[in-house]
Structures are given as structure tokens and as C-alpha cells.
Amino acid sequence: MAKTEQEIRGKVGNMVFYKMGSETRVRSTASDFQDADSEGQRSGRSRLRVATLFYQRLTKVISREIWKLAAAGTSQNGFNLFMKKNMMVFTPCGRVGDFSRLCLTAGVLQQVNHLEVAEDNGKQVTLTWKVGIDSPSAGDDDRLRVIVLLNDRCFSPFIVEGVDARRKDGRMTFRLERTRGQAAHLYCFFSGKGGMTYSSSQYVRVDE
């Protein structure tokens, strides 16, 4: 920043003259113009719209409170934290680029230990995990929840209902209806007593 004794105001070339008290001051403007409609910026805006739509669909089947709690104590809100973890997973054309990288919940609880999945006759899915974790963030009565995305309806998440499996059980079995040959993407997470604590989701895939 420079000063001048001359009474000049306005822009001259890449210099701007302005009044500050009794002084006339000078500052330079940016010499390079950044096109706000470049291909990269258009892709970024499209990806943001896609990720926002997915978040809106997701929070119709799970509580927004999960992400709000995960963001507590940071400078972010729940939506911003979700975007930070997931936005680059989506493609600008409106698809999930990599299902295994999606993080559908976040939290402080211990994740599922040694999670494995098996399928019987294309309908019955069984999840198993190791029990007896000696950790203050792993309660025996933490409830296992499962969010499902199907390949042809990846923006229509749904949660498995009617099954009450706890961490101490080490096993959860449920029926999963889908068309033949369609992959199912499962995101498993624990919720603590009172619904105030959660674990980050873990991904497993079921192919027929």
C-alpha cells in the first residue's frame, strides 16, 4: 500500500486510489482474472449439488443429529463435515464414484470389530463381528444399524428395520430384497444408549 498527496480517486490501470481520513491511499488490484466458469469450477459446482442432494436423502432415513454431534467442538456444522468427508466421492454427472469411500455416519464409538458379511440364497444377509472389545467407547449394548444403497438406486438409501442386534451379540441377520444380480452396499454403524453417541460407518458389499 502506498500514499500520495494528490487528490485522486478511482481506478487507474491496476491501481485504485481511495480516501482514508485526510489521506489519499493507493492499492493494486489482482492482475490475473480468474474465470468463474471454467470447466473445473463447473465440475466442482455440479459435484456440490450432487453431494447436497445425497445428504438431503440420507437425513430422511437417519437423524441429522449424528453429523451435528460429530462436528461438535469444531468450527464446522454437521453438513460441512459431511461435505468434507464425502464431496469428492461423487461425480459431477450425478453418481457415486466409489461406494467404499462413502462415510454415512461419524462419531466417537468404537467401530465394528472384524466385520464380515455372508449371503444365503440371495435374500438372507448375515453380518458377524468380534465381541469382547476392552474399550470405553465400545458398550455391550450399542445397537448395530445398517444403511443400504442399491446399485440402481444409489440416491435412495434405506435403513434395515425390525432387527435389534447389539455389539455383544456378534451377529446380525436380515432379509434383503433386491433384483437378481444387483449389488448391495452396506454401511454399518453402532448407536449408543440414548442415541447421543455413534460410530463411523463401515462398508461391506454384497454381490449375488
Protein backbone atom coordinates (compact mmCIF):
# COMPACT_ATOMS: atom_id res chain seq x y z
CA MET A 1 0.00 0.00 0.00
CA ALA A 2 1.26 3.50 -0.89
CA LYS A 3 0.19 7.07 -0.08
CA THR A 4 0.01 10.18 -2.25
CA GLU A 5 -0.54 13.88 -1.60
CA GLN A 6 -2.56 14.23 -4.82
CA GLU A 7 -6.38 14.38 -4.80
CA ILE A 8 -7.02 11.31 -6.98
CA ARG A 9 -9.85 8.81 -6.62
CA GLY A 10 -10.88 5.77 -8.62
CA LYS A 11 -9.03 3.16 -10.67
CA VAL A 12 -6.11 3.86 -12.96
CA GLY A 13 -4.77 0.76 -14.70
CA ASN A 14 -4.34 -1.84 -11.97
CA MET A 15 -4.12 0.82 -9.24
CA VAL A 16 -7.04 2.01 -7.09
CA PHE A 17 -6.94 5.42 -5.38
CA TYR A 18 -9.17 5.90 -2.31
CA LYS A 19 -9.61 8.29 0.61
CA MET A 20 -8.73 7.23 4.18
CA GLY A 21 -9.34 10.11 6.57
CA SER A 22 -7.31 13.06 5.28
CA GLU A 23 -5.01 10.81 3.20
CA THR A 24 -5.33 9.51 -0.32
CA ARG A 25 -4.08 5.93 -0.49
CA VAL A 26 -3.21 3.60 -3.34
CA ARG A 27 -3.53 -0.17 -3.66
CA SER A 28 -3.10 -2.54 -6.55
CA THR A 29 -5.75 -4.89 -7.93
CA ALA A 30 -5.26 -8.51 -8.92
CA SER A 31 -3.51 -8.67 -12.27
CA ASP A 32 -4.92 -12.07 -13.23
CA PHE A 33 -8.60 -12.58 -13.90
CA GLN A 34 -9.93 -15.95 -12.73
CA ASP A 35 -12.77 -17.21 -14.90
CA ALA A 36 -15.57 -18.27 -12.59
CA ASP A 37 -16.99 -20.54 -15.28
CA SER A 38 -14.03 -22.74 -16.10
CA GLU A 39 -14.52 -26.46 -16.68
CA GLY A 40 -13.01 -27.28 -13.27
CA GLN A 41 -15.28 -24.82 -11.47
CA ARG A 42 -18.36 -26.11 -13.28
CA SER A 43 -17.44 -29.65 -12.23
CA GLY A 44 -16.96 -28.50 -8.64
CA ARG A 45 -20.37 -26.85 -8.55
CA SER A 46 -22.03 -29.93 -10.06
CA ARG A 47 -20.32 -32.22 -7.54
CA LEU A 48 -21.51 -29.95 -4.71
CA ARG A 49 -25.12 -30.15 -5.95
CA VAL A 50 -24.91 -33.94 -6.21
CA ALA A 51 -23.43 -34.32 -2.72
CA THR A 52 -26.03 -31.94 -1.26
CA LEU A 53 -28.86 -33.95 -2.81
CA PHE A 54 -27.44 -37.16 -1.36
CA TYR A 55 -27.14 -35.58 2.11
CA GLN A 56 -30.78 -34.48 1.94
CA ARG A 57 -31.87 -38.01 1.02
CA LEU A 58 -29.65 -39.56 3.72
CA THR A 59 -31.02 -37.36 6.50
CA LYS A 60 -34.53 -38.56 5.72
CA VAL A 61 -33.55 -42.04 6.98
CA ILE A 62 -31.05 -41.12 9.72
CA SER A 63 -31.04 -38.16 12.07
CA ARG A 64 -29.09 -35.01 11.16
CA GLU A 65 -28.09 -35.09 14.83
CA ILE A 66 -25.50 -37.77 14.00
CA TRP A 67 -23.45 -35.35 11.92
CA LYS A 68 -24.19 -32.43 14.24
CA LEU A 69 -22.77 -34.40 17.19
CA ALA A 70 -19.73 -35.46 15.14
CA ALA A 71 -18.98 -31.80 14.35
CA ALA A 72 -19.36 -30.61 17.96
CA GLY A 73 -16.29 -28.80 19.21
CA THR A 74 -15.07 -27.96 15.72
CA SER A 75 -15.55 -24.88 13.58
CA GLN A 76 -17.83 -26.84 11.24
CA ASN A 77 -21.51 -27.77 11.32
CA GLY A 78 -22.78 -31.26 10.53
CA PHE A 79 -23.45 -30.55 6.86
CA ASN A 80 -19.98 -29.09 6.32
CA LEU A 81 -18.35 -32.08 7.99
CA PHE A 82 -20.31 -34.45 5.76
CA MET A 83 -19.17 -32.50 2.71
CA LYS A 84 -15.55 -32.50 3.82
CA LYS A 85 -15.57 -36.28 4.10
CA ASN A 86 -17.71 -37.12 1.09
CA MET A 87 -17.98 -34.46 -1.60
CA MET A 88 -15.11 -35.78 -3.74
CA VAL A 89 -16.64 -39.27 -3.73
CA PHE A 90 -19.46 -38.07 -6.01
CA THR A 91 -19.08 -37.45 -9.73
CA PRO A 92 -20.30 -34.25 -11.45
CA CYS A 93 -22.69 -36.35 -13.57
CA GLY A 94 -24.64 -37.44 -10.51
CA ARG A 95 -23.19 -40.80 -9.49
CA VAL A 96 -21.32 -42.31 -6.55
CA GLY A 97 -17.76 -42.64 -7.81
CA ASP A 98 -16.56 -45.08 -5.13
CA PHE A 99 -19.04 -46.65 -2.71
CA SER A 100 -16.27 -47.88 -0.42
CA ARG A 101 -15.15 -44.30 0.33
CA LEU A 102 -18.57 -43.01 1.41
CA CYS A 103 -18.83 -42.14 5.09
CA LEU A 104 -22.52 -42.09 6.04
CA THR A 105 -22.10 -41.63 9.79
CA ALA A 106 -19.33 -40.31 12.02
CA GLY A 107 -18.74 -40.45 15.74
CA VAL A 108 -16.66 -41.46 18.75
CA LEU A 109 -17.87 -45.01 19.37
CA GLN A 110 -15.65 -47.97 18.53
CA GLN A 111 -16.39 -49.29 15.04
CA VAL A 112 -17.47 -52.86 14.27
CA ASN A 113 -14.52 -55.13 15.04
CA HIS A 114 -13.52 -57.55 12.22
CA LEU A 115 -16.78 -57.07 10.31
CA GLU A 116 -17.65 -59.83 7.82
CA VAL A 117 -20.67 -60.42 5.58
CA ALA A 118 -22.21 -63.56 4.08
CA GLU A 119 -25.31 -64.16 1.97
CA ASP A 120 -27.58 -67.18 1.72
CA ASN A 121 -29.81 -67.82 -1.32
CA GLY A 122 -29.65 -64.22 -2.46
CA LYS A 123 -32.05 -62.97 0.21
CA GLN A 124 -30.65 -63.58 3.69
CA VAL A 125 -27.67 -61.48 4.77
CA THR A 126 -25.62 -62.23 7.87
CA LEU A 127 -23.13 -59.83 9.44
CA THR A 128 -20.66 -61.11 12.02
CA TRP A 129 -18.07 -59.33 14.15
CA LYS A 130 -15.75 -59.93 17.07
CA VAL A 131 -17.04 -59.26 20.58
CA GLY A 132 -15.35 -58.58 23.89
CA ILE A 133 -13.53 -55.36 22.98
CA ASP A 134 -11.90 -53.79 26.04
CA SER A 135 -12.58 -50.16 25.17
CA PRO A 136 -14.53 -47.39 26.94
CA SER A 137 -16.04 -46.46 23.57
CA ALA A 138 -17.46 -49.96 22.98
CA GLY A 139 -20.57 -50.65 25.02
CA ASP A 140 -22.02 -54.17 25.02
CA ASP A 141 -25.49 -52.77 24.38
CA ASP A 142 -24.53 -50.48 21.49
CA ARG A 143 -27.03 -51.18 18.71
CA LEU A 144 -25.84 -52.10 15.22
CA ARG A 145 -27.62 -50.23 12.41
CA VAL A 146 -27.26 -50.82 8.67
CA ILE A 147 -27.84 -48.33 5.84
CA VAL A 148 -28.29 -49.88 2.38
CA LEU A 149 -27.60 -48.45 -1.06
CA LEU A 150 -28.53 -50.48 -4.15
CA ASN A 151 -26.65 -50.02 -7.41
CA ASP A 152 -29.62 -48.80 -9.43
CA ARG A 153 -31.00 -46.66 -6.58
CA CYS A 154 -27.87 -45.24 -5.02
CA PHE A 155 -29.60 -41.96 -4.11
CA SER A 156 -32.37 -43.77 -2.24
CA PRO A 157 -30.71 -45.00 0.96
CA PHE A 158 -32.77 -47.04 3.40
CA ILE A 159 -32.07 -48.45 6.82
CA VAL A 160 -32.63 -52.07 7.85
CA GLU A 161 -35.58 -52.21 10.23
CA GLY A 162 -37.04 -54.88 12.51
CA VAL A 163 -33.72 -56.26 13.78
CA ASP A 164 -32.31 -55.46 17.21
CA ALA A 165 -28.67 -56.58 17.23
CA ARG A 166 -26.25 -55.44 19.93
CA ARG A 167 -22.47 -55.27 19.98
CA LYS A 168 -22.35 -58.16 22.46
CA ASP A 169 -24.31 -60.40 20.06
CA GLY A 170 -21.57 -60.58 17.43
CA ARG A 171 -24.14 -61.37 14.75
CA MET A 172 -27.00 -59.81 12.80
CA THR A 173 -29.20 -61.50 10.17
CA PHE A 174 -31.78 -59.80 7.99
CA ARG A 175 -33.63 -60.24 4.72
CA LEU A 176 -32.59 -58.01 1.82
CA GLU A 177 -34.90 -57.74 -1.17
CA ARG A 178 -33.28 -56.78 -4.48
CA THR A 179 -33.31 -57.76 -8.12
CA ARG A 180 -31.15 -60.63 -9.27
CA GLY A 181 -27.52 -59.70 -9.89
CA GLN A 182 -27.80 -56.31 -8.21
CA ALA A 183 -25.01 -55.33 -5.83
CA ALA A 184 -25.94 -54.02 -2.37
CA HIS A 185 -23.69 -51.61 -0.49
CA LEU A 186 -23.99 -51.83 3.31
CA TYR A 187 -22.86 -49.17 5.78
CA CYS A 188 -22.78 -50.49 9.34
CA PHE A 189 -22.55 -48.34 12.47
CA PHE A 190 -23.26 -48.52 16.18
CA SER A 191 -25.53 -46.17 18.12
CA GLY A 192 -25.11 -45.82 21.88
CA LYS A 193 -27.68 -45.73 24.63
CA GLY A 194 -29.96 -42.70 24.33
CA GLY A 195 -28.98 -42.03 20.73
CA MET A 196 -26.32 -39.48 21.65
CA THR A 197 -23.21 -41.37 20.51
CA TYR A 198 -22.41 -43.11 17.22
CA SER A 199 -19.58 -44.83 15.41
CA SER A 200 -18.34 -44.02 11.93
CA SER A 201 -19.84 -46.25 9.27
CA GLN A 202 -18.03 -49.27 7.84
CA TYR A 203 -18.56 -50.53 4.32
CA VAL A 204 -19.20 -54.05 3.07
CA ARG A 205 -20.57 -55.11 -0.30
CA VAL A 206 -22.93 -57.96 -1.09
CA ASP A 207 -22.94 -59.45 -4.58
CA GLU A 208 -25.38 -62.13 -5.61
